[in-house]
PDB file of N, CA and C in Angstrom:
ATOM      1  N   MET A   1     -98.622 -54.293  58.510  1.00  0.00           N
ATOM      2  CA  MET A   1     -98.696 -53.346  60.447  1.00  0.00           C
ATOM      3  C   MET A   1    -100.169 -54.682  60.770  1.00  0.00           C
ATOM      4  N   SER A   2    -100.057 -54.942  61.911  1.00  0.00           N
ATOM      5  CA  SER A   2    -101.138 -55.052  62.695  1.00  0.00           C
ATOM      6  C   SER A   2    -102.377 -54.287  62.717  1.00  0.00           C
ATOM      7  N   ARG A   3    -103.992 -54.422  62.759  1.00  0.00           N
ATOM      8  CA  ARG A   3    -104.672 -54.048  63.171  1.00  0.00           C
ATOM      9  C   ARG A   3    -104.384 -52.437  64.435  1.00  0.00           C
ATOM     10  N   ILE A   4    -103.821 -52.999  65.389  1.00  0.00           N
ATOM     11  CA  ILE A   4    -103.617 -52.466  67.214  1.00  0.00           C
ATOM     12  C   ILE A   4    -102.718 -50.789  66.763  1.00  0.00           C
ATOM     13  N   GLY A   5    -101.448 -51.784  65.615  1.00  0.00           N
ATOM     14  CA  GLY A   5    -100.291 -50.833  64.902  1.00  0.00           C
ATOM     15  C   GLY A   5    -101.260 -49.981  64.413  1.00  0.00           C
ATOM     16  N   LYS A   6    -102.236 -50.186  63.385  1.00  0.00           N
ATOM     17  CA  LYS A   6    -103.123 -48.786  62.778  1.00  0.00           C
ATOM     18  C   LYS A   6    -102.918 -47.419  64.093  1.00  0.00           C
ATOM     19  N   GLN A   7    -103.879 -47.970  64.764  1.00  0.00           N
ATOM     20  CA  GLN A   7    -104.661 -47.060  65.697  1.00  0.00           C
ATOM     21  C   GLN A   7    -103.813 -46.409  66.595  1.00  0.00           C
ATOM     22  N   PRO A   8    -104.809 -44.386  66.321  1.00  0.00           N
ATOM     23  CA  PRO A   8    -103.384 -43.817  66.992  1.00  0.00           C
ATOM     24  C   PRO A   8    -103.596 -43.414  68.720  1.00  0.00           C
ATOM     25  N   ILE A   9    -102.865 -43.319  68.711  1.00  0.00           N
ATOM     26  CA  ILE A   9    -102.232 -43.182  70.328  1.00  0.00           C
ATOM     27  C   ILE A   9    -102.320 -41.748  70.622  1.00  0.00           C
ATOM     28  N   ASN A  10    -103.087 -41.953  72.217  1.00  0.00           N
ATOM     29  CA  ASN A  10    -102.779 -40.828  72.957  1.00  0.00           C
ATOM     30  C   ASN A  10    -102.209 -40.363  73.566  1.00  0.00           C
ATOM     31  N   LEU A  11    -101.397 -38.731  73.681  1.00  0.00           N
ATOM     32  CA  LEU A  11    -100.541 -38.731  74.604  1.00  0.00           C
ATOM     33  C   LEU A  11    -100.820 -38.661  75.905  1.00  0.00           C
ATOM     34  N   PRO A  12    -100.603 -38.569  77.503  1.00  0.00           N
ATOM     35  CA  PRO A  12    -101.215 -38.087  78.352  1.00  0.00           C
ATOM     36  C   PRO A  12    -100.583 -36.271  78.653  1.00  0.00           C
ATOM     37  N   SER A  13    -100.724 -35.999  79.139  1.00  0.00           N
ATOM     38  CA  SER A  13    -101.084 -34.418  79.776  1.00  0.00           C
ATOM     39  C   SER A  13     -99.620 -35.773  80.690  1.00  0.00           C
ATOM     40  N   GLY A  14     -98.194 -33.925  80.075  1.00  0.00           N
ATOM     41  CA  GLY A  14     -96.876 -34.117  80.437  1.00  0.00           C
ATOM     42  C   GLY A  14     -96.033 -35.012  79.534  1.00  0.00           C
ATOM     43  N   VAL A  15     -96.926 -35.161  78.573  1.00  0.00           N
ATOM     44  CA  VAL A  15     -95.875 -36.191  77.788  1.00  0.00           C
ATOM     45  C   VAL A  15     -96.226 -35.096  76.201  1.00  0.00           C
ATOM     46  N   GLU A  16     -94.703 -34.981  75.702  1.00  0.00           N
ATOM     47  CA  GLU A  16     -94.026 -34.257  74.763  1.00  0.00           C
ATOM     48  C   GLU A  16     -93.527 -35.071  73.699  1.00  0.00           C
ATOM     49  N   ALA A  17     -93.684 -34.986  72.154  1.00  0.00           N
ATOM     50  CA  ALA A  17     -93.491 -36.114  71.051  1.00  0.00           C
ATOM     51  C   ALA A  17     -92.861 -34.804  69.966  1.00  0.00           C
ATOM     52  N   LEU A  18     -91.747 -35.538  69.241  1.00  0.00           N
ATOM     53  CA  LEU A  18     -91.141 -33.680  68.489  1.00  0.00           C
ATOM     54  C   LEU A  18     -91.030 -35.315  67.276  1.00  0.00           C
ATOM     55  N   ILE A  19     -91.284 -34.870  66.260  1.00  0.00           N
ATOM     56  CA  ILE A  19     -90.339 -35.992  64.645  1.00  0.00           C
ATOM     57  C   ILE A  19     -89.611 -35.332  64.203  1.00  0.00           C
ATOM     58  N   ASN A  20     -88.532 -35.483  63.839  1.00  0.00           N
ATOM     59  CA  ASN A  20     -87.716 -35.702  62.739  1.00  0.00           C
ATOM     60  C   ASN A  20     -87.968 -36.460  61.272  1.00  0.00           C
ATOM     61  N   GLY A  21     -88.219 -36.127  60.741  1.00  0.00           N
ATOM     62  CA  GLY A  21     -87.907 -37.016  58.943  1.00  0.00           C
ATOM     63  C   GLY A  21     -88.722 -38.631  59.636  1.00  0.00           C
ATOM     64  N   GLN A  22     -88.085 -39.289  59.919  1.00  0.00           N
ATOM     65  CA  GLN A  22     -88.440 -40.728  60.079  1.00  0.00           C
ATOM     66  C   GLN A  22     -88.401 -41.412  61.813  1.00  0.00           C
ATOM     67  N   SER A  23     -87.780 -40.441  62.627  1.00  0.00           N
ATOM     68  CA  SER A  23     -87.335 -40.456  63.503  1.00  0.00           C
ATOM     69  C   SER A  23     -88.352 -39.859  65.031  1.00  0.00           C
ATOM     70  N   ILE A  24     -88.725 -40.353  65.941  1.00  0.00           N
ATOM     71  CA  ILE A  24     -89.518 -39.386  67.146  1.00  0.00           C
ATOM     72  C   ILE A  24     -88.768 -39.694  68.132  1.00  0.00           C
ATOM     73  N   GLU A  25     -88.614 -38.016  69.057  1.00  0.00           N
ATOM     74  CA  GLU A  25     -88.644 -38.496  70.621  1.00  0.00           C
ATOM     75  C   GLU A  25     -89.898 -37.853  71.581  1.00  0.00           C
ATOM     76  N   ILE A  26     -90.236 -38.744  72.169  1.00  0.00           N
ATOM     77  CA  ILE A  26     -90.867 -38.455  73.191  1.00  0.00           C
ATOM     78  C   ILE A  26     -90.400 -38.432  74.736  1.00  0.00           C
ATOM     79  N   LYS A  27     -91.220 -36.813  74.964  1.00  0.00           N
ATOM     80  CA  LYS A  27     -90.002 -36.378  76.475  1.00  0.00           C
ATOM     81  C   LYS A  27     -91.433 -36.700  77.615  1.00  0.00           C
ATOM     82  N   GLY A  28     -91.194 -36.910  78.486  1.00  0.00           N
ATOM     83  CA  GLY A  28     -91.922 -37.249  79.693  1.00  0.00           C
ATOM     84  C   GLY A  28     -91.417 -37.376  80.959  1.00  0.00           C
ATOM     85  N   PRO A  29     -92.159 -36.858  82.300  1.00  0.00           N
ATOM     86  CA  PRO A  29     -91.763 -37.000  83.432  1.00  0.00           C
ATOM     87  C   PRO A  29     -90.412 -38.231  83.637  1.00  0.00           C
ATOM     88  N   LYS A  30     -90.452 -39.435  83.276  1.00  0.00           N
ATOM     89  CA  LYS A  30     -89.403 -40.319  83.748  1.00  0.00           C
ATOM     90  C   LYS A  30     -88.494 -40.171  82.390  1.00  0.00           C
ATOM     91  N   GLY A  31     -88.705 -39.613  81.634  1.00  0.00           N
ATOM     92  CA  GLY A  31     -86.866 -39.452  80.448  1.00  0.00           C
ATOM     93  C   GLY A  31     -87.230 -39.266  79.581  1.00  0.00           C
ATOM     94  N   VAL A  32     -86.978 -39.541  78.678  1.00  0.00           N
ATOM     95  CA  VAL A  32     -86.879 -39.495  76.984  1.00  0.00           C
ATOM     96  C   VAL A  32     -86.291 -40.850  76.422  1.00  0.00           C
ATOM     97  N   ARG A  33     -86.815 -41.013  75.801  1.00  0.00           N
ATOM     98  CA  ARG A  33     -87.116 -41.922  74.243  1.00  0.00           C
ATOM     99  C   ARG A  33     -86.456 -41.734  73.030  1.00  0.00           C
ATOM    100  N   ASN A  34     -85.800 -42.036  72.074  1.00  0.00           N
ATOM    101  CA  ASN A  34     -86.040 -42.245  70.374  1.00  0.00           C
ATOM    102  C   ASN A  34     -86.444 -43.247  70.270  1.00  0.00           C
ATOM    103  N   PHE A  35     -87.148 -43.408  69.285  1.00  0.00           N
ATOM    104  CA  PHE A  35     -87.513 -44.611  68.225  1.00  0.00           C
ATOM    105  C   PHE A  35     -87.378 -43.745  66.663  1.00  0.00           C
ATOM    106  N   THR A  36     -86.296 -44.482  66.283  1.00  0.00           N
ATOM    107  CA  THR A  36     -86.444 -44.760  64.085  1.00  0.00           C
ATOM    108  C   THR A  36     -87.404 -45.172  63.578  1.00  0.00           C
ATOM    109  N   ALA A  37     -88.519 -44.898  62.860  1.00  0.00           N
ATOM    110  CA  ALA A  37     -89.215 -46.317  61.849  1.00  0.00           C
ATOM    111  C   ALA A  37     -88.805 -46.364  61.051  1.00  0.00           C
ATOM    112  N   THR A  38     -88.926 -47.287  59.797  1.00  0.00           N
ATOM    113  CA  THR A  38     -88.359 -47.976  58.139  1.00  0.00           C
ATOM    114  C   THR A  38     -89.291 -47.136  57.611  1.00  0.00           C
ATOM    115  N   ASP A  39     -89.093 -47.162  56.618  1.00  0.00           N
ATOM    116  CA  ASP A  39     -89.151 -46.107  55.641  1.00  0.00           C
ATOM    117  C   ASP A  39     -90.381 -46.222  54.994  1.00  0.00           C
ATOM    118  N   ASP A  40     -91.429 -47.645  55.222  1.00  0.00           N
ATOM    119  CA  ASP A  40     -92.508 -48.508  55.359  1.00  0.00           C
ATOM    120  C   ASP A  40     -93.532 -47.326  55.968  1.00  0.00           C
ATOM    121  N   VAL A  41     -93.786 -46.782  56.851  1.00  0.00           N
ATOM    122  CA  VAL A  41     -94.889 -46.188  57.608  1.00  0.00           C
ATOM    123  C   VAL A  41     -94.445 -44.675  57.677  1.00  0.00           C
ATOM    124  N   THR A  42     -95.447 -43.893  58.045  1.00  0.00           N
ATOM    125  CA  THR A  42     -95.222 -42.173  57.848  1.00  0.00           C
ATOM    126  C   THR A  42     -96.201 -41.764  59.480  1.00  0.00           C
ATOM    127  N   LEU A  43     -95.402 -41.306  60.114  1.00  0.00           N
ATOM    128  CA  LEU A  43     -95.011 -40.876  61.327  1.00  0.00           C
ATOM    129  C   LEU A  43     -96.100 -39.365  61.306  1.00  0.00           C
ATOM    130  N   SER A  44     -97.317 -39.321  62.001  1.00  0.00           N
ATOM    131  CA  SER A  44     -98.038 -37.773  62.228  1.00  0.00           C
ATOM    132  C   SER A  44     -98.083 -37.253  63.994  1.00  0.00           C
ATOM    133  N   ILE A  45     -98.216 -36.420  64.029  1.00  0.00           N
ATOM    134  CA  ILE A  45     -99.155 -35.620  65.453  1.00  0.00           C
ATOM    135  C   ILE A  45     -99.671 -34.586  65.215  1.00  0.00           C
ATOM    136  N   SER A  46    -100.978 -34.685  66.000  1.00  0.00           N
ATOM    137  CA  SER A  46    -102.346 -33.354  65.559  1.00  0.00           C
ATOM    138  C   SER A  46    -103.110 -33.989  67.058  1.00  0.00           C
ATOM    139  N   GLU A  47    -102.798 -32.503  68.424  1.00  0.00           N
ATOM    140  CA  GLU A  47    -103.071 -32.902  69.419  1.00  0.00           C
ATOM    141  C   GLU A  47    -103.189 -33.628  70.288  1.00  0.00           C
ATOM    142  N   ASN A  48    -102.181 -33.759  70.352  1.00  0.00           N
ATOM    143  CA  ASN A  48    -101.742 -34.903  71.399  1.00  0.00           C
ATOM    144  C   ASN A  48    -102.437 -36.866  70.969  1.00  0.00           C
ATOM    145  N   VAL A  49    -102.221 -35.886  69.432  1.00  0.00           N
ATOM    146  CA  VAL A  49    -102.650 -37.761  69.240  1.00  0.00           C
ATOM    147  C   VAL A  49    -100.886 -38.079  67.981  1.00  0.00           C
ATOM    148  N   THR A  50    -100.828 -39.751  68.499  1.00  0.00           N
ATOM    149  CA  THR A  50     -99.057 -40.143  67.604  1.00  0.00           C
ATOM    150  C   THR A  50    -100.552 -41.149  66.507  1.00  0.00           C
ATOM    151  N   CYS A  51     -99.917 -40.415  65.148  1.00  0.00           N
ATOM    152  CA  CYS A  51    -100.783 -41.668  64.622  1.00  0.00           C
ATOM    153  C   CYS A  51     -99.638 -42.115  63.532  1.00  0.00           C
ATOM    154  N   VAL A  52     -99.606 -43.525  63.292  1.00  0.00           N
ATOM    155  CA  VAL A  52     -98.073 -44.447  62.438  1.00  0.00           C
ATOM    156  C   VAL A  52     -98.868 -44.642  61.254  1.00  0.00           C
ATOM    157  N   LYS A  53     -99.102 -45.158  60.536  1.00  0.00           N
ATOM    158  CA  LYS A  53     -99.314 -44.830  59.027  1.00  0.00           C
ATOM    159  C   LYS A  53     -98.667 -45.725  58.086  1.00  0.00           C
ATOM    160  N   PRO A  54     -98.979 -47.047  57.697  1.00  0.00           N
ATOM    161  CA  PRO A  54     -98.062 -47.745  56.590  1.00  0.00           C
ATOM    162  C   PRO A  54     -98.538 -46.913  55.144  1.00  0.00           C
ATOM    163  N   THR A  55     -97.686 -46.895  54.299  1.00  0.00           N
ATOM    164  CA  THR A  55     -97.640 -46.451  52.580  1.00  0.00           C
ATOM    165  C   THR A  55     -98.442 -46.966  51.892  1.00  0.00           C
ATOM    166  N   GLU A  56     -98.461 -47.340  50.961  1.00  0.00           N
ATOM    167  CA  GLU A  56     -99.334 -47.611  49.931  1.00  0.00           C
ATOM    168  C   GLU A  56     -98.041 -47.446  49.370  1.00  0.00           C
ATOM    169  N   ILE A  57     -97.568 -48.758  48.801  1.00  0.00           N
ATOM    170  CA  ILE A  57     -96.425 -49.039  47.386  1.00  0.00           C
ATOM    171  C   ILE A  57     -97.613 -49.122  46.284  1.00  0.00           C
ATOM    172  N   THR A  58     -97.087 -48.470  45.261  1.00  0.00           N
ATOM    173  CA  THR A  58     -97.510 -48.389  44.265  1.00  0.00           C
ATOM    174  C   THR A  58     -96.014 -48.653  43.130  1.00  0.00           C
ATOM    175  N   ILE A  59     -96.291 -49.410  42.233  1.00  0.00           N
ATOM    176  CA  ILE A  59     -95.647 -49.739  40.938  1.00  0.00           C
ATOM    177  C   ILE A  59     -95.650 -49.860  39.972  1.00  0.00           C
ATOM    178  N   GLU A  60     -94.797 -48.613  38.874  1.00  0.00           N
ATOM    179  CA  GLU A  60     -95.013 -47.600  37.817  1.00  0.00           C
ATOM    180  C   GLU A  60     -94.534 -48.396  36.798  1.00  0.00           C
ATOM    181  N   GLY A  61     -94.462 -48.479  35.951  1.00  0.00           N
ATOM    182  CA  GLY A  61     -93.769 -48.079  34.655  1.00  0.00           C
ATOM    183  C   GLY A  61     -94.190 -48.572  32.917  1.00  0.00           C
ATOM    184  N   ILE A  62     -93.019 -48.293  32.128  1.00  0.00           N
ATOM    185  CA  ILE A  62     -93.589 -48.881  30.636  1.00  0.00           C
ATOM    186  C   ILE A  62     -94.328 -49.789  30.417  1.00  0.00           C
ATOM    187  N   ASP A  63     -93.383 -51.305  30.753  1.00  0.00           N
ATOM    188  CA  ASP A  63     -93.229 -52.478  30.397  1.00  0.00           C
ATOM    189  C   ASP A  63     -94.570 -52.691  31.218  1.00  0.00           C
ATOM    190  N   GLN A  64     -96.190 -52.769  30.857  1.00  0.00           N
ATOM    191  CA  GLN A  64     -96.863 -53.493  32.193  1.00  0.00           C
ATOM    192  C   GLN A  64     -96.888 -55.087  31.703  1.00  0.00           C
ATOM    193  N   GLN A  65     -96.388 -56.016  31.231  1.00  0.00           N
ATOM    194  CA  GLN A  65     -95.979 -57.272  31.744  1.00  0.00           C
ATOM    195  C   GLN A  65     -95.357 -57.796  33.073  1.00  0.00           C
ATOM    196  N   VAL A  66     -93.742 -56.454  32.806  1.00  0.00           N
ATOM    197  CA  VAL A  66     -92.605 -56.205  33.972  1.00  0.00           C
ATOM    198  C   VAL A  66     -93.090 -56.109  34.953  1.00  0.00           C
ATOM    199  N   VAL A  67     -94.372 -55.037  35.488  1.00  0.00           N
ATOM    200  CA  VAL A  67     -94.956 -54.565  36.619  1.00  0.00           C
ATOM    201  C   VAL A  67     -95.492 -55.602  37.065  1.00  0.00           C
ATOM    202  N   GLY A  68     -96.748 -56.455  35.505  1.00  0.00           N
ATOM    203  CA  GLY A  68     -98.100 -57.563  36.809  1.00  0.00           C
ATOM    204  C   GLY A  68     -96.831 -58.651  36.981  1.00  0.00           C
ATOM    205  N   GLN A  69     -96.166 -58.676  36.813  1.00  0.00           N
ATOM    206  CA  GLN A  69     -95.005 -59.712  37.338  1.00  0.00           C
ATOM    207  C   GLN A  69     -94.594 -59.626  38.610  1.00  0.00           C
ATOM    208  N   VAL A  70     -93.590 -58.138  38.650  1.00  0.00           N
ATOM    209  CA  VAL A  70     -93.164 -57.526  40.165  1.00  0.00           C
ATOM    210  C   VAL A  70     -94.719 -57.883  40.859  1.00  0.00           C
ATOM    211  N   ALA A  71     -95.964 -57.456  40.616  1.00  0.00           N
ATOM    212  CA  ALA A  71     -96.940 -57.032  41.532  1.00  0.00           C
ATOM    213  C   ALA A  71     -96.732 -58.564  41.870  1.00  0.00           C
ATOM    214  N   ALA A  72     -97.309 -59.545  40.831  1.00  0.00           N
ATOM    215  CA  ALA A  72     -97.963 -60.804  41.508  1.00  0.00           C
ATOM    216  C   ALA A  72     -96.876 -61.609  41.824  1.00  0.00           C
ATOM    217  N   ASN A  73     -95.889 -61.554  41.599  1.00  0.00           N
ATOM    218  CA  ASN A  73     -94.793 -62.016  42.578  1.00  0.00           C
ATOM    219  C   ASN A  73     -94.369 -61.611  44.314  1.00  0.00           C
ATOM    220  N   ILE A  74     -94.749 -60.439  44.311  1.00  0.00           N
ATOM    221  CA  ILE A  74     -94.822 -59.587  45.786  1.00  0.00           C
ATOM    222  C   ILE A  74     -96.269 -60.384  46.630  1.00  0.00           C
ATOM    223  N   ARG A  75     -97.170 -59.969  45.623  1.00  0.00           N
ATOM    224  CA  ARG A  75     -98.913 -60.576  46.277  1.00  0.00           C
ATOM    225  C   ARG A  75     -98.787 -62.541  46.667  1.00  0.00           C
ATOM    226  N   ALA A  76     -98.032 -62.917  45.630  1.00  0.00           N
ATOM    227  CA  ALA A  76     -97.998 -64.825  46.367  1.00  0.00           C
ATOM    228  C   ALA A  76     -96.903 -64.918  47.287  1.00  0.00           C
ATOM    229  N   TRP A  77     -96.501 -63.679  48.751  1.00  0.00           N
ATOM    230  CA  TRP A  77     -96.052 -64.032  50.043  1.00  0.00           C
ATOM    231  C   TRP A  77     -97.359 -64.145  50.357  1.00  0.00           C
ATOM    232  N   ARG A  78     -97.817 -63.029  50.325  1.00  0.00           N
ATOM    233  CA  ARG A  78     -99.347 -62.821  51.187  1.00  0.00           C
ATOM    234  C   ARG A  78    -100.554 -63.105  50.857  1.00  0.00           C
ATOM    235  N   LYS A  79    -101.400 -63.774  49.973  1.00  0.00           N
ATOM    236  CA  LYS A  79    -102.030 -63.249  49.387  1.00  0.00           C
ATOM    237  C   LYS A  79    -103.343 -63.235  50.116  1.00  0.00           C
ATOM    238  N   PRO A  80    -104.290 -62.220  49.472  1.00  0.00           N
ATOM    239  CA  PRO A  80    -105.653 -61.807  50.482  1.00  0.00           C
ATOM    240  C   PRO A  80    -106.469 -63.526  51.019  1.00  0.00           C
ATOM    241  N   GLU A  81    -106.395 -62.898  52.087  1.00  0.00           N
ATOM    242  CA  GLU A  81    -108.258 -63.985  53.149  1.00  0.00           C
ATOM    243  C   GLU A  81    -108.719 -63.622  53.344  1.00  0.00           C
ATOM    244  N   PRO A  82    -109.805 -64.407  53.154  1.00  0.00           N
ATOM    245  CA  PRO A  82    -111.147 -63.715  52.988  1.00  0.00           C
ATOM    246  C   PRO A  82    -111.884 -63.696  54.554  1.00  0.00           C
ATOM    247  N   TYR A  83    -110.852 -64.955  55.209  1.00  0.00           N
ATOM    248  CA  TYR A  83    -111.651 -64.737  56.215  1.00  0.00           C
ATOM    249  C   TYR A  83    -111.380 -63.573  57.724  1.00  0.00           C
ATOM    250  N   LYS A  84    -110.227 -63.074  57.567  1.00  0.00           N
ATOM    251  CA  LYS A  84    -110.093 -62.398  58.694  1.00  0.00           C
ATOM    252  C   LYS A  84    -109.401 -60.554  58.026  1.00  0.00           C
ATOM    253  N   GLY A  85    -109.172 -60.564  56.625  1.00  0.00           N
ATOM    254  CA  GLY A  85    -109.536 -59.533  55.688  1.00  0.00           C
ATOM    255  C   GLY A  85    -107.265 -59.343  55.745  1.00  0.00           C
ATOM    256  N   LYS A  86    -106.600 -60.449  55.484  1.00  0.00           N
ATOM    257  CA  LYS A  86    -105.588 -59.955  55.650  1.00  0.00           C
ATOM    258  C   LYS A  86    -104.493 -60.161  54.174  1.00  0.00           C
ATOM    259  N   GLY A  87    -103.566 -60.199  53.824  1.00  0.00           N
ATOM    260  CA  GLY A  87    -102.682 -60.728  52.983  1.00  0.00           C
ATOM    261  C   GLY A  87    -102.386 -59.184  51.706  1.00  0.00           C
ATOM    262  N   ILE A  88    -101.648 -59.102  50.638  1.00  0.00           N
ATOM    263  CA  ILE A  88    -101.629 -57.992  49.934  1.00  0.00           C
ATOM    264  C   ILE A  88    -102.552 -57.992  48.417  1.00  0.00           C
ATOM    265  N   ARG A  89    -103.212 -57.204  48.357  1.00  0.00           N
ATOM    266  CA  ARG A  89    -104.284 -56.608  47.328  1.00  0.00           C
ATOM    267  C   ARG A  89    -104.112 -55.570  46.518  1.00  0.00           C
ATOM    268  N   TYR A  90    -104.085 -55.670  45.719  1.00  0.00           N
ATOM    269  CA  TYR A  90    -104.001 -55.079  44.521  1.00  0.00           C
ATOM    270  C   TYR A  90    -105.345 -53.801  44.674  1.00  0.00           C
ATOM    271  N   LYS A  91    -104.806 -52.381  43.869  1.00  0.00           N
ATOM    272  CA  LYS A  91    -105.481 -51.180  44.402  1.00  0.00           C
ATOM    273  C   LYS A  91    -106.117 -51.334  43.955  1.00  0.00           C
ATOM    274  N   GLY A  92    -107.352 -51.317  44.592  1.00  0.00           N
ATOM    275  CA  GLY A  92    -108.863 -51.325  43.810  1.00  0.00           C
ATOM    276  C   GLY A  92    -109.386 -52.572  44.093  1.00  0.00           C
ATOM    277  N   GLU A  93    -108.583 -53.719  44.544  1.00  0.00           N
ATOM    278  CA  GLU A  93    -109.542 -55.056  43.980  1.00  0.00           C
ATOM    279  C   GLU A  93    -110.295 -55.639  46.156  1.00  0.00           C
ATOM    280  N   TYR A  94    -111.344 -55.818  45.800  1.00  0.00           N
ATOM    281  CA  TYR A  94    -112.572 -56.186  47.307  1.00  0.00           C
ATOM    282  C   TYR A  94    -112.415 -57.987  47.532  1.00  0.00           C
ATOM    283  N   ILE A  95    -111.856 -58.542  48.298  1.00  0.00           N
ATOM    284  CA  ILE A  95    -112.049 -59.291  48.672  1.00  0.00           C
ATOM    285  C   ILE A  95    -113.526 -59.635  49.598  1.00  0.00           C
ATOM    286  N   PHE A  96    -114.463 -60.249  48.775  1.00  0.00           N
ATOM    287  CA  PHE A  96    -115.592 -60.301  50.132  1.00  0.00           C
ATOM    288  C   PHE A  96    -115.462 -61.442  51.409  1.00  0.00           C
ATOM    289  N   ALA A  97    -115.485 -60.694  52.295  1.00  0.00           N
ATOM    290  CA  ALA A  97    -115.686 -61.663  53.751  1.00  0.00           C
ATOM    291  C   ALA A  97    -116.011 -62.815  53.808  1.00  0.00           C
ATOM    292  N   LYS A  98    -115.839 -63.890  54.049  1.00  0.00           N
ATOM    293  CA  LYS A  98    -116.714 -64.793  54.885  1.00  0.00           C
ATOM    294  C   LYS A  98    -116.874 -64.749  56.215  1.00  0.00           C
ATOM    295  N   GLU A  99    -117.284 -65.591  56.998  1.00  0.00           N
ATOM    296  CA  GLU A  99    -117.653 -66.019  57.913  1.00  0.00           C
ATOM    297  C   GLU A  99    -117.188 -66.982  57.973  1.00  0.00           C
ATOM    298  N   GLY A 100    -116.740 -67.314  59.430  1.00  0.00           N
ATOM    299  CA  GLY A 100    -116.068 -68.166  60.212  1.00  0.00           C
ATOM    300  C   GLY A 100    -116.360 -69.518  60.360  1.00  0.00           C
ATOM    301  N   LYS A 101    -116.274 -70.660  60.599  1.00  0.00           N
ATOM    302  CA  LYS A 101    -116.962 -71.620  61.316  1.00  0.00           C
ATOM    303  C   LYS A 101    -117.745 -71.092  62.491  1.00  0.00           C
ATOM    304  N   LYS A 102    -118.802 -71.912  62.695  1.00  0.00           N
ATOM    305  CA  LYS A 102    -119.395 -72.191  63.554  1.00  0.00           C
ATOM    306  C   LYS A 102    -119.611 -73.108  64.670  1.00  0.00           C
ATOM    307  N   LYS A 103    -119.378 -73.356  65.551  1.00  0.00           N
ATOM    308  CA  LYS A 103    -119.503 -74.409  66.720  1.00  0.00           C
ATOM    309  C   LYS A 103    -121.168 -74.682  66.840  1.00  0.00           C
TER     310      LYS A 103
END
């Protein structure tokens, strides 16, 4: 999820938002909009501020080797990158940020 997508959304005066499960309905002076979010995000509204937060994926199981292999396969899609802080990290893992090139 992008960094701008994680920021809260302020609702202007006259605009009302209703959440029903994973769908959100926005009503305003210019009309009504509906949107259904995917299962990997959580929607919430508090005091005219709408928040969209990604859910953390947790893999659990009895066979530690299989769980570790599944986690490694998921991580292989997008390895942690130390310059921009993007990528998939293990829980509790810290990637030291590096400074980019200087001109």
